[in-house]
Amino acid sequence: MSTITYDDFARVDIRVGTILEAAPLEGARKPAYRLLIDFGPDIGQRKSSVQITVHYQPGELIGRQVAGVVNFPPRQIGKFMSEVLTLGFPDENGAVVLIAPDKKIPNGGKLF
């Protein structure tokens, strides 16, 4: 693994947001959900495609805070344009577990 500088890390804009909508993503090759996430007044609402169907149901995601990279270019996932990379870690079987703050914080807060 190569090392990076703090400036390299700071270029990745990771923010916290609250999930407003969650639903199955139709036409995805792998089971996924489409999310609408509120990243606060400066960034606004963004869409994300996430492969988190093993551990989460759409209804339980509403109101949950998540971390996402907001400065990657949008990516086409089937007919859906994903605007944010929602972050998680793989469990022992490779299924994604979302990462989130352990206390509620204002949407748009930047990871540092």
C-alpha atoms as a PDB file:
ATOM      1  CA  MET A   1       0.000   0.000   0.000  1.00  0.00           C
ATOM      2  CA  SER A   2       1.371   3.400  -0.917  1.00  0.00           C
ATOM      3  CA  THR A   3       1.148   6.387   1.411  1.00  0.00           C
ATOM      4  CA  ILE A   4      -0.661   9.617   0.596  1.00  0.00           C
ATOM      5  CA  THR A   5      -0.475  13.107   2.008  1.00  0.00           C
ATOM      6  CA  TYR A   6      -3.206  14.822   3.994  1.00  0.00           C
ATOM      7  CA  ASP A   7      -3.780  17.062   0.963  1.00  0.00           C
ATOM      8  CA  ASP A   8      -4.535  13.924  -1.108  1.00  0.00           C
ATOM      9  CA  PHE A   9      -7.077  12.815   1.492  1.00  0.00           C
ATOM     10  CA  ALA A  10      -8.633  16.294   1.717  1.00  0.00           C
ATOM     11  CA  ARG A  11      -9.438  16.239  -2.018  1.00  0.00           C
ATOM     12  CA  VAL A  12     -11.979  13.445  -1.366  1.00  0.00           C
ATOM     13  CA  ASP A  13     -15.087  15.309  -0.185  1.00  0.00           C
ATOM     14  CA  ILE A  14     -16.858  12.975   2.268  1.00  0.00           C
ATOM     15  CA  ARG A  15     -20.052  14.394   3.761  1.00  0.00           C
ATOM     16  CA  VAL A  16     -22.855  13.193   5.988  1.00  0.00           C
ATOM     17  CA  GLY A  17     -26.427  13.160   4.744  1.00  0.00           C
ATOM     18  CA  THR A  18     -29.843  11.849   5.694  1.00  0.00           C
ATOM     19  CA  ILE A  19     -31.664   9.321   3.526  1.00  0.00           C
ATOM     20  CA  LEU A  20     -34.999  10.749   2.360  1.00  0.00           C
ATOM     21  CA  GLU A  21     -36.089   7.975  -0.024  1.00  0.00           C
ATOM     22  CA  ALA A  22     -35.059   4.351  -0.584  1.00  0.00           C
ATOM     23  CA  ALA A  23     -36.443   1.870  -3.115  1.00  0.00           C
ATOM     24  CA  PRO A  24     -35.280  -1.137  -5.137  1.00  0.00           C
ATOM     25  CA  LEU A  25     -33.253  -0.149  -8.197  1.00  0.00           C
ATOM     26  CA  GLU A  26     -34.997  -1.687 -11.183  1.00  0.00           C
ATOM     27  CA  GLY A  27     -32.732  -3.011 -13.946  1.00  0.00           C
ATOM     28  CA  ALA A  28     -29.575  -3.320 -11.830  1.00  0.00           C
ATOM     29  CA  ARG A  29     -27.366  -6.349 -12.594  1.00  0.00           C
ATOM     30  CA  LYS A  30     -26.917  -6.975  -8.854  1.00  0.00           C
ATOM     31  CA  PRO A  31     -29.635  -6.305  -6.260  1.00  0.00           C
ATOM     32  CA  ALA A  32     -29.438  -2.647  -5.244  1.00  0.00           C
ATOM     33  CA  TYR A  33     -31.425   0.271  -3.880  1.00  0.00           C
ATOM     34  CA  ARG A  34     -31.732   3.796  -5.181  1.00  0.00           C
ATOM     35  CA  LEU A  35     -31.420   6.412  -2.463  1.00  0.00           C
ATOM     36  CA  LEU A  36     -32.186  10.108  -2.294  1.00  0.00           C
ATOM     37  CA  ILE A  37     -29.912  11.676   0.308  1.00  0.00           C
ATOM     38  CA  ASP A  38     -30.072  15.209   1.746  1.00  0.00           C
ATOM     39  CA  PHE A  39     -26.553  16.621   2.145  1.00  0.00           C
ATOM     40  CA  GLY A  40     -27.695  19.994   3.488  1.00  0.00           C
ATOM     41  CA  PRO A  41     -28.196  23.420   1.910  1.00  0.00           C
ATOM     42  CA  ASP A  42     -24.741  23.770   0.330  1.00  0.00           C
ATOM     43  CA  ILE A  43     -24.788  20.436  -1.542  1.00  0.00           C
ATOM     44  CA  GLY A  44     -28.491  19.632  -1.689  1.00  0.00           C
ATOM     45  CA  GLN A  45     -30.179  16.330  -2.430  1.00  0.00           C
ATOM     46  CA  ARG A  46     -28.264  13.700  -4.369  1.00  0.00           C
ATOM     47  CA  LYS A  47     -29.094  10.235  -5.722  1.00  0.00           C
ATOM     48  CA  SER A  48     -27.066   7.110  -5.016  1.00  0.00           C
ATOM     49  CA  SER A  49     -27.159   3.478  -6.112  1.00  0.00           C
ATOM     50  CA  VAL A  50     -26.167   1.128  -3.290  1.00  0.00           C
ATOM     51  CA  GLN A  51     -25.754  -2.649  -3.092  1.00  0.00           C
ATOM     52  CA  ILE A  52     -26.903  -3.009   0.514  1.00  0.00           C
ATOM     53  CA  THR A  53     -29.868  -5.365   0.114  1.00  0.00           C
ATOM     54  CA  VAL A  54     -28.403  -8.093   2.359  1.00  0.00           C
ATOM     55  CA  HIS A  55     -28.504  -6.072   5.596  1.00  0.00           C
ATOM     56  CA  TYR A  56     -31.120  -3.370   4.941  1.00  0.00           C
ATOM     57  CA  GLN A  57     -34.733  -2.948   3.839  1.00  0.00           C
ATOM     58  CA  PRO A  58     -35.800   0.309   2.151  1.00  0.00           C
ATOM     59  CA  GLY A  59     -38.183   1.359   4.932  1.00  0.00           C
ATOM     60  CA  GLU A  60     -35.561   1.143   7.654  1.00  0.00           C
ATOM     61  CA  LEU A  61     -33.173   3.390   5.706  1.00  0.00           C
ATOM     62  CA  ILE A  62     -35.416   6.475   5.721  1.00  0.00           C
ATOM     63  CA  GLY A  63     -34.061   9.027   8.221  1.00  0.00           C
ATOM     64  CA  ARG A  64     -30.738   7.231   8.631  1.00  0.00           C
ATOM     65  CA  GLN A  65     -27.557   9.267   8.296  1.00  0.00           C
ATOM     66  CA  VAL A  66     -24.828   7.973   5.982  1.00  0.00           C
ATOM     67  CA  ALA A  67     -21.443   9.088   4.689  1.00  0.00           C
ATOM     68  CA  GLY A  68     -20.899   9.690   1.001  1.00  0.00           C
ATOM     69  CA  VAL A  69     -18.287  10.977  -1.418  1.00  0.00           C
ATOM     70  CA  VAL A  70     -19.935  13.963  -3.093  1.00  0.00           C
ATOM     71  CA  ASN A  71     -17.194  15.051  -5.504  1.00  0.00           C
ATOM     72  CA  PHE A  72     -16.900  11.986  -7.755  1.00  0.00           C
ATOM     73  CA  PRO A  73     -18.421  12.387 -11.222  1.00  0.00           C
ATOM     74  CA  PRO A  74     -21.912  10.891 -11.658  1.00  0.00           C
ATOM     75  CA  ARG A  75     -22.013   7.248 -12.756  1.00  0.00           C
ATOM     76  CA  GLN A  76     -24.659   5.581 -14.900  1.00  0.00           C
ATOM     77  CA  ILE A  77     -26.059   2.414 -13.259  1.00  0.00           C
ATOM     78  CA  GLY A  78     -28.498   0.912 -15.752  1.00  0.00           C
ATOM     79  CA  LYS A  79     -31.088   3.645 -16.338  1.00  0.00           C
ATOM     80  CA  PHE A  80     -30.196   5.378 -13.042  1.00  0.00           C
ATOM     81  CA  MET A  81     -27.615   8.166 -12.636  1.00  0.00           C
ATOM     82  CA  SER A  82     -25.802   7.760  -9.303  1.00  0.00           C
ATOM     83  CA  GLU A  83     -24.401  11.081  -8.065  1.00  0.00           C
ATOM     84  CA  VAL A  84     -22.820  10.012  -4.762  1.00  0.00           C
ATOM     85  CA  LEU A  85     -20.709   7.085  -3.579  1.00  0.00           C
ATOM     86  CA  THR A  86     -22.384   5.989  -0.335  1.00  0.00           C
ATOM     87  CA  LEU A  87     -19.734   4.460   1.930  1.00  0.00           C
ATOM     88  CA  GLY A  88     -19.664   1.153   3.773  1.00  0.00           C
ATOM     89  CA  PHE A  89     -17.448  -1.732   4.814  1.00  0.00           C
ATOM     90  CA  PRO A  90     -17.742  -5.397   3.798  1.00  0.00           C
ATOM     91  CA  ASP A  91     -18.860  -7.888   6.425  1.00  0.00           C
ATOM     92  CA  GLU A  92     -17.258 -11.358   6.679  1.00  0.00           C
ATOM     93  CA  ASN A  93     -19.188 -12.444   3.558  1.00  0.00           C
ATOM     94  CA  GLY A  94     -18.539  -9.292   1.526  1.00  0.00           C
ATOM     95  CA  ALA A  95     -21.999  -7.740   2.028  1.00  0.00           C
ATOM     96  CA  VAL A  96     -21.918  -3.978   2.580  1.00  0.00           C
ATOM     97  CA  VAL A  97     -22.522  -2.480   6.035  1.00  0.00           C
ATOM     98  CA  LEU A  98     -23.083   1.287   5.928  1.00  0.00           C
ATOM     99  CA  ILE A  99     -20.894   3.652   7.911  1.00  0.00           C
ATOM    100  CA  ALA A 100     -22.501   6.546   9.759  1.00  0.00           C
ATOM    101  CA  PRO A 101     -21.866   8.919  12.663  1.00  0.00           C
ATOM    102  CA  ASP A 102     -22.833   7.572  16.076  1.00  0.00           C
ATOM    103  CA  LYS A 103     -24.587  10.849  16.947  1.00  0.00           C
ATOM    104  CA  LYS A 104     -26.917  12.954  14.778  1.00  0.00           C
ATOM    105  CA  ILE A 105     -25.046  15.810  13.113  1.00  0.00           C
ATOM    106  CA  PRO A 106     -26.102  18.496  10.629  1.00  0.00           C
ATOM    107  CA  ASN A 107     -26.401  17.300   7.037  1.00  0.00           C
ATOM    108  CA  GLY A 108     -23.419  18.323   4.932  1.00  0.00           C
ATOM    109  CA  GLY A 109     -20.841  17.940   7.705  1.00  0.00           C
ATOM    110  CA  LYS A 110     -17.419  17.187   6.155  1.00  0.00           C
ATOM    111  CA  LEU A 111     -15.237  14.301   7.296  1.00  0.00           C
ATOM    112  CA  PHE A 112     -11.759  15.358   8.355  1.00  0.00           C
END
